[in-house]
Each structure stands twice: as C-alpha cells, then as structure tokens.
N, C-alpha and C. Protein backbone atom coordinates (compact mmCIF):
# COMPACT_ATOMS: atom_id res chain seq x y z
N UNK A 1 42.74 -16.73 15.80
CA UNK A 1 42.26 -17.73 15.85
C UNK A 1 40.40 -16.97 15.19
N UNK A 2 39.60 -17.89 13.65
CA UNK A 2 38.28 -17.09 13.71
C UNK A 2 37.27 -17.58 14.04
N UNK A 3 36.52 -16.91 14.40
CA UNK A 3 35.17 -17.16 14.75
C UNK A 3 34.05 -17.35 13.64
N UNK A 4 33.37 -18.37 13.69
CA UNK A 4 31.94 -18.40 13.26
C UNK A 4 31.06 -18.46 13.38
N UNK A 5 29.92 -17.74 12.81
CA UNK A 5 28.56 -17.90 13.44
C UNK A 5 27.90 -19.26 12.66
N UNK A 6 27.34 -20.00 13.71
CA UNK A 6 26.00 -21.34 13.31
C UNK A 6 26.01 -20.13 11.72
N UNK A 7 25.49 -21.89 10.66
CA UNK A 7 24.64 -22.04 9.76
C UNK A 7 23.35 -21.13 10.00
N UNK A 8 22.62 -21.55 10.69
CA UNK A 8 21.01 -21.36 11.62
C UNK A 8 21.33 -19.67 11.80
N UNK A 9 22.60 -19.34 11.94
CA UNK A 9 21.78 -17.70 11.93
C UNK A 9 21.68 -16.87 10.48
N UNK A 10 22.64 -17.51 9.62
CA UNK A 10 22.46 -17.03 8.18
C UNK A 10 20.54 -17.55 8.03
N UNK A 11 20.45 -18.45 7.72
CA UNK A 11 18.81 -19.02 7.64
C UNK A 11 18.64 -18.30 8.53
N UNK A 12 18.31 -17.56 9.56
CA UNK A 12 16.96 -16.93 10.48
C UNK A 12 17.33 -15.85 9.72
N UNK A 13 18.46 -14.99 8.95
CA UNK A 13 18.67 -13.72 8.98
C UNK A 13 17.88 -12.85 7.70
N UNK A 14 17.91 -14.47 6.44
CA UNK A 14 17.48 -14.45 5.52
C UNK A 14 15.60 -14.45 5.45
N UNK A 15 15.60 -15.48 6.17
CA UNK A 15 13.95 -15.34 6.41
C UNK A 15 13.26 -14.36 7.05
N UNK A 16 13.87 -13.20 7.48
CA UNK A 16 13.47 -12.16 7.96
C UNK A 16 12.46 -11.15 7.30
N UNK A 17 11.39 -11.06 7.14
CA UNK A 17 10.68 -10.16 6.10
C UNK A 17 10.73 -8.73 6.23
N UNK A 18 10.57 -7.98 5.58
CA UNK A 18 10.51 -6.35 5.62
C UNK A 18 8.92 -6.09 5.74
N UNK A 19 8.77 -5.02 6.68
CA UNK A 19 7.20 -4.82 6.90
C UNK A 19 6.62 -4.38 5.80
N UNK A 20 4.99 -4.61 5.37
CA UNK A 20 4.25 -4.78 3.92
C UNK A 20 3.66 -3.64 4.80
N UNK A 21 2.54 -2.75 3.85
CA UNK A 21 1.62 -1.86 4.25
C UNK A 21 0.35 -2.67 2.99
N UNK A 22 -0.99 -3.45 4.18
CA UNK A 22 -1.50 -4.16 3.73
C UNK A 22 -3.19 -3.08 3.71
N UNK A 23 -3.82 -3.01 2.24
CA UNK A 23 -4.74 -1.99 1.99
C UNK A 23 -6.05 -2.99 1.97
N UNK A 24 -6.82 -3.11 2.48
CA UNK A 24 -8.24 -3.42 2.49
C UNK A 24 -9.14 -2.86 1.73
N UNK A 25 -9.73 -3.07 0.39
CA UNK A 25 -10.44 -2.61 -0.65
C UNK A 25 -11.76 -3.46 -0.27
N UNK A 26 -12.64 -2.73 -0.18
CA UNK A 26 -14.10 -2.81 -0.79
C UNK A 26 -14.67 -1.89 -1.99
N UNK A 27 -15.29 -3.27 -2.97
CA UNK A 27 -15.87 -2.91 -4.32
C UNK A 27 -16.48 -4.23 -4.64
N UNK A 28 -17.86 -3.68 -5.10
CA UNK A 28 -18.82 -4.21 -5.22
C UNK A 28 -19.67 -5.26 -4.30
N UNK A 29 -19.36 -5.22 -3.04
CA UNK A 29 -19.40 -5.82 -1.69
C UNK A 29 -18.52 -6.70 -1.43
N UNK A 30 -17.27 -7.28 -2.36
CA UNK A 30 -16.32 -7.41 -2.02
C UNK A 30 -14.91 -6.84 -1.43
N UNK A 31 -14.42 -7.36 -0.26
CA UNK A 31 -13.30 -6.84 -0.09
C UNK A 31 -12.17 -7.87 -0.46
N UNK A 32 -10.71 -7.33 -1.10
CA UNK A 32 -9.26 -7.92 -1.12
C UNK A 32 -8.77 -7.05 0.02
N UNK A 33 -7.15 -7.46 -0.15
CA UNK A 33 -6.18 -7.04 0.46
C UNK A 33 -5.14 -7.21 -0.37
N UNK A 34 -4.69 -5.56 -0.76
CA UNK A 34 -3.24 -5.63 -1.46
C UNK A 34 -2.21 -5.12 -0.74
N UNK A 35 -1.02 -5.82 -1.29
CA UNK A 35 0.31 -5.58 0.11
C UNK A 35 1.03 -5.11 -0.82
N UNK A 36 1.96 -4.11 -0.18
CA UNK A 36 3.26 -3.40 -0.63
C UNK A 36 4.45 -3.50 0.15
N UNK A 37 5.34 -4.01 -0.57
CA UNK A 37 6.35 -3.84 0.51
C UNK A 37 7.36 -2.59 0.10
N UNK A 38 8.28 -1.86 0.97
CA UNK A 38 8.87 -0.99 0.77
C UNK A 38 9.58 -1.16 -0.93
N UNK A 39 9.94 -0.07 -1.24
CA UNK A 39 10.69 0.71 -2.52
C UNK A 39 11.71 1.52 -2.37
N UNK A 40 12.58 1.68 -3.28
CA UNK A 40 13.34 2.21 -3.34
C UNK A 40 13.34 3.74 -4.34
N UNK A 41 12.17 3.56 -5.02
CA UNK A 41 11.90 4.39 -5.69
C UNK A 41 9.94 4.26 -5.92
N UNK A 42 9.35 5.95 -6.19
CA UNK A 42 7.95 5.39 -6.48
C UNK A 42 7.53 5.39 -7.77
N UNK A 43 8.68 5.57 -8.95
CA UNK A 43 8.53 5.28 -10.23
C UNK A 43 7.86 4.18 -10.44
N UNK A 44 8.57 2.72 -10.06
CA UNK A 44 8.52 1.98 -10.70
C UNK A 44 6.86 0.91 -9.92
N UNK A 45 6.22 1.32 -8.90
CA UNK A 45 4.84 0.68 -8.31
C UNK A 45 3.96 0.94 -9.63
N UNK A 46 3.55 -0.09 -9.46
CA UNK A 46 2.20 -0.59 -11.03
C UNK A 46 0.93 -0.05 -9.93
N UNK A 47 0.15 -0.11 -10.76
CA UNK A 47 -1.44 0.06 -10.15
C UNK A 47 -2.15 -1.06 -10.44
N UNK A 48 -3.09 -1.32 -9.87
CA UNK A 48 -3.71 -2.82 -9.54
C UNK A 48 -5.54 -2.21 -10.19
N UNK A 49 -5.89 -3.37 -10.69
CA UNK A 49 -7.11 -2.65 -11.15
C UNK A 49 -8.14 -3.25 -10.14
N UNK A 50 -9.23 -2.70 -9.80
CA UNK A 50 -10.23 -2.91 -8.99
C UNK A 50 -11.51 -2.78 -9.74
N UNK A 51 -12.18 -3.64 -10.10
CA UNK A 51 -13.13 -4.21 -10.53
C UNK A 51 -13.08 -3.44 -12.14
N UNK A 52 -13.75 -2.57 -12.96
CA UNK A 52 -13.38 -2.02 -14.03
C UNK A 52 -13.33 -0.62 -13.58
N UNK A 53 -13.82 0.02 -12.87
CA UNK A 53 -13.82 1.10 -12.72
C UNK A 53 -12.41 2.29 -12.16
N UNK A 54 -11.90 1.60 -11.31
CA UNK A 54 -10.46 1.73 -10.67
C UNK A 54 -9.32 1.38 -10.83
N UNK A 55 -8.51 2.13 -10.33
CA UNK A 55 -7.12 1.93 -10.36
C UNK A 55 -6.33 1.80 -9.27
N UNK A 56 -5.75 1.29 -8.46
CA UNK A 56 -5.28 1.69 -7.37
C UNK A 56 -3.81 1.38 -6.96
N UNK A 57 -3.21 1.95 -6.11
CA UNK A 57 -1.62 2.31 -6.09
C UNK A 57 -1.36 2.39 -4.70
N UNK A 58 -0.21 1.80 -3.98
CA UNK A 58 0.37 1.63 -3.31
C UNK A 58 1.83 2.38 -3.12
N UNK A 59 2.43 3.25 -2.35
CA UNK A 59 3.88 3.47 -2.75
C UNK A 59 4.47 3.65 -1.34
N UNK A 60 5.42 2.65 -0.73
CA UNK A 60 5.65 2.62 0.48
C UNK A 60 7.12 2.94 0.73
N UNK A 61 7.54 3.79 1.00
CA UNK A 61 8.87 4.19 1.35
C UNK A 61 9.38 4.43 2.69
N UNK A 62 10.31 3.80 3.40
CA UNK A 62 10.73 3.38 4.41
C UNK A 62 12.23 4.37 4.73
N UNK A 63 12.59 4.50 3.81
CA UNK A 63 14.59 4.98 3.67
C UNK A 63 13.97 5.69 2.19
N UNK A 64 15.42 6.83 2.04
CA UNK A 64 15.96 7.30 3.82
C UNK A 64 15.22 8.25 4.66
N UNK A 65 15.27 8.76 5.60
CA UNK A 65 14.06 8.97 6.64
C UNK A 65 13.69 9.97 5.98
N UNK A 66 14.34 11.03 5.02
CA UNK A 66 13.66 12.84 5.08
C UNK A 66 12.34 12.11 3.50
N UNK A 67 12.34 10.82 3.30
CA UNK A 67 11.92 10.03 2.10
C UNK A 67 10.40 9.60 2.58
N UNK A 68 10.52 9.00 3.79
CA UNK A 68 9.83 8.22 4.31
C UNK A 68 7.90 8.16 4.23
N UNK A 69 7.91 7.70 3.54
CA UNK A 69 6.29 8.10 3.52
C UNK A 69 5.55 7.23 2.78
N UNK A 70 3.96 7.08 3.08
CA UNK A 70 3.21 5.98 2.61
C UNK A 70 2.16 6.38 1.75
N UNK A 71 1.99 6.36 0.52
CA UNK A 71 0.95 7.42 -0.16
C UNK A 71 0.18 6.21 -1.07
N UNK A 72 -1.19 6.75 -1.07
CA UNK A 72 -2.19 5.66 -2.01
C UNK A 72 -2.64 6.50 -2.64
N UNK A 73 -2.70 6.00 -4.27
CA UNK A 73 -3.29 6.52 -5.27
C UNK A 73 -4.58 5.80 -5.77
N UNK A 74 -5.57 6.69 -6.29
CA UNK A 74 -7.07 5.88 -6.43
C UNK A 74 -7.29 6.76 -8.25
N UNK A 75 -7.42 5.91 -9.40
CA UNK A 75 -7.36 6.52 -10.29
C UNK A 75 -8.79 5.96 -10.73
N UNK A 76 -9.26 6.82 -11.77
CA UNK A 76 -10.76 6.69 -12.25
C UNK A 76 -10.06 5.78 -14.01
N UNK A 77 -10.36 4.70 -14.32
CA UNK A 77 -9.70 4.02 -15.17
C UNK A 77 -11.06 4.37 -16.20
N UNK A 78 -10.31 5.19 -16.82
CA UNK A 78 -11.60 5.97 -18.01
C UNK A 78 -11.65 5.58 -19.30
N UNK A 79 -11.80 5.84 -20.76
CA UNK A 79 -11.21 5.76 -22.00
C UNK A 79 -10.20 6.21 -22.21
N UNK A 80 -9.86 7.81 -21.65
CA UNK A 80 -9.15 8.36 -22.24
C UNK A 80 -7.92 8.11 -21.30
N UNK A 81 -7.51 7.25 -20.80
CA UNK A 81 -6.47 7.08 -19.60
C UNK A 81 -6.96 7.08 -18.14
N UNK A 82 -6.04 6.66 -17.34
CA UNK A 82 -6.31 6.66 -15.85
C UNK A 82 -6.70 8.20 -15.70
N UNK A 83 -7.02 8.48 -14.29
CA UNK A 83 -7.65 10.08 -14.17
C UNK A 83 -7.82 10.20 -12.59
N UNK A 84 -6.29 10.59 -11.83
CA UNK A 84 -6.33 10.33 -10.36
C UNK A 84 -7.17 11.02 -9.93
N UNK A 85 -8.19 10.38 -8.88
CA UNK A 85 -9.60 11.22 -8.34
C UNK A 85 -8.88 11.46 -6.82
N UNK A 86 -8.05 10.49 -6.26
CA UNK A 86 -8.09 10.48 -4.56
C UNK A 86 -6.26 10.19 -4.39
N UNK A 87 -6.06 11.11 -4.01
CA UNK A 87 -4.63 10.64 -3.25
C UNK A 87 -4.74 10.85 -1.81
N UNK A 88 -3.75 9.63 -1.34
CA UNK A 88 -3.29 10.17 0.52
C UNK A 88 -2.21 9.75 0.83
N UNK A 89 -1.65 10.99 1.81
CA UNK A 89 -0.22 10.68 2.02
C UNK A 89 -0.36 10.37 3.79
N UNK A 90 0.56 9.29 4.29
CA UNK A 90 0.57 9.35 5.65
C UNK A 90 1.96 8.68 6.34
N UNK A 91 2.62 9.18 7.47
CA UNK A 91 3.89 9.56 7.35
C UNK A 91 4.59 7.90 7.93
N UNK A 92 5.71 7.96 7.93
CA UNK A 92 6.19 6.88 7.87
C UNK A 92 7.54 6.96 9.35
N UNK A 93 7.44 5.93 10.66
CA UNK A 93 6.44 5.59 10.44
C UNK A 93 4.77 5.93 10.88
N UNK A 94 4.02 5.11 10.87
CA UNK A 94 2.26 5.73 10.75
C UNK A 94 2.03 5.66 12.27
N UNK A 95 1.28 6.67 12.71
CA UNK A 95 0.82 6.37 13.83
C UNK A 95 0.28 4.97 14.47
N UNK A 96 -0.18 4.84 15.80
CA UNK A 96 -0.97 3.71 16.35
C UNK A 96 -2.23 3.22 15.29
N UNK A 97 -2.28 2.29 15.16
CA UNK A 97 -3.43 1.33 14.58
C UNK A 97 -4.88 1.99 14.93
N UNK A 98 -5.56 2.15 14.81
CA UNK A 98 -7.05 2.21 14.88
C UNK A 98 -7.85 0.98 14.52
N UNK A 99 -8.87 1.59 14.38
CA UNK A 99 -10.10 0.33 13.90
C UNK A 99 -9.66 -0.20 12.68
N UNK A 100 -9.26 1.20 11.50
CA UNK A 100 -9.19 1.13 10.42
C UNK A 100 -7.57 1.59 10.20
N UNK A 101 -7.23 0.76 10.56
CA UNK A 101 -5.71 0.87 10.65
C UNK A 101 -5.34 2.49 11.00
N UNK A 102 -4.29 2.50 10.33
CA UNK A 102 -3.58 3.87 10.57
C UNK A 102 -3.91 5.27 9.74
N UNK A 103 -4.46 5.00 8.15
CA UNK A 103 -4.99 5.39 7.53
C UNK A 103 -6.91 5.57 7.45
N UNK A 104 -7.53 5.39 8.64
CA UNK A 104 -8.90 5.11 8.94
C UNK A 104 -9.94 5.00 7.27
N UNK A 105 -10.73 4.68 7.38
CA UNK A 105 -11.64 4.53 5.71
C UNK A 105 -11.78 5.71 5.26
N UNK A 106 -11.59 5.40 3.81
CA UNK A 106 -11.63 6.16 2.69
C UNK A 106 -12.91 5.61 2.23
N UNK A 107 -13.33 6.81 1.48
CA UNK A 107 -14.52 6.60 0.75
C UNK A 107 -14.58 6.95 -0.93
N UNK A 108 -13.98 6.73 -2.07
CA UNK A 108 -13.29 7.10 -3.29
C UNK A 108 -14.94 6.68 -4.31
N UNK A 109 -15.12 7.72 -4.56
CA UNK A 109 -16.20 7.56 -6.10
C UNK A 109 -15.79 8.28 -6.98
N UNK A 110 -16.14 7.70 -7.99
CA UNK A 110 -15.90 8.24 -9.86
C UNK A 110 -17.46 7.96 -10.18
N UNK A 111 -17.48 9.70 -10.48
CA UNK A 111 -18.79 10.28 -10.78
C UNK A 111 -19.32 9.76 -12.32
N UNK A 112 -18.27 9.40 -13.10
CA UNK A 112 -19.16 9.50 -14.54
C UNK A 112 -19.84 7.81 -14.89
N UNK A 113 -19.23 7.07 -14.29
CA UNK A 113 -20.03 5.56 -13.87
C UNK A 113 -20.26 5.23 -12.94
N UNK A 114 -20.43 6.07 -11.35
CA UNK A 114 -21.20 6.07 -10.50
C UNK A 114 -20.67 4.70 -9.56
N UNK A 115 -19.34 4.81 -9.61
CA UNK A 115 -18.43 3.84 -8.63
C UNK A 115 -18.47 4.16 -7.40
N UNK A 116 -18.19 3.33 -6.28
CA UNK A 116 -17.49 3.60 -5.58
C UNK A 116 -16.42 2.29 -4.31
N UNK A 117 -15.86 3.36 -3.49
CA UNK A 117 -14.87 1.58 -3.40
C UNK A 117 -14.40 2.55 -1.98
N UNK A 118 -14.64 2.01 -1.34
CA UNK A 118 -13.91 1.36 -0.02
C UNK A 118 -12.40 1.36 0.29
N UNK A 119 -11.27 2.02 1.54
CA UNK A 119 -10.34 1.64 1.50
C UNK A 119 -10.18 1.92 3.29
N UNK A 120 -8.94 1.17 3.58
CA UNK A 120 -8.27 1.32 4.45
C UNK A 120 -7.29 0.48 4.53
N UNK A 121 -5.97 1.03 5.44
CA UNK A 121 -4.76 0.43 5.35
C UNK A 121 -3.49 0.32 6.52
N UNK A 122 -2.93 -0.58 6.75
CA UNK A 122 -2.88 -1.15 8.22
C UNK A 122 -1.12 -1.81 7.54
N UNK A 123 0.01 -1.13 9.16
CA UNK A 123 0.85 -1.98 8.65
C UNK A 123 1.31 -2.97 9.74
N UNK A 124 2.12 -4.53 8.50
CA UNK A 124 2.24 -5.34 8.52
C UNK A 124 3.96 -5.54 9.02
N UNK A 125 3.78 -6.10 10.11
CA UNK A 125 5.16 -6.49 10.79
C UNK A 125 5.95 -7.46 9.70
C-alpha cells in the first residue's frame, strides 16, 4: 500500500526560506539594508554600490561546516578600481545578537575623498 503525503506538505516545504544576513548600512545620513542568502562559493558574490565612494559585499556560507562563515568586505570605489579598505569575518552560526546584531557597529572611512560609512549585521531566519 502506498502512502501519499498531502499536497499541502509540499507547498509548505517549498515556502520555507533560508536564513539571510541583513546588513544595515548608513551613508550620507541615510540607512539602507542589504540582505544576502547563503552561497556555495564566495567568488560569485557581487559588490553593491554605496554612494559614490564605497562598494560593499556580504559573503554568507553556511555549509560545509568547516567553511561556514559570514564575511563583509568594504572597498573604496577609486578611479583605478576597487581597493579593499575593510574586511570582517564572523563565525556561523553567529553569537547571540546584541543591540547592533552579531557584528557590532563598524565605522569605515575612505581617506582620499573623506567618506564615512557605518554598518552592522544581523541574521534573519
């Protein structure tokens, strides 16, 4: 005798979303949120333009366990190409969230053009 699961089970199973990392970025007095889903390889993750001075990138790998990590990269968007000016690495799963998420508040400065940006990140279910 075959047992079939109700159709509703399959609909529910496909509706479940994976965790995301949401970084709250403040630049020029405006705060925006950039979210990143888990990826299998860090090499395909693009940067996001923040104003005219910065590029930001979130790499969220939750598997395999020995490579599970969350990394953030901030680049200065210079005429000669992007220049890495800040990088942070956080364990996955991250520690319990505090006021400014698992990352704490970061201040990043671009000295040639006198730019400043702040960010903090949290894990969203």
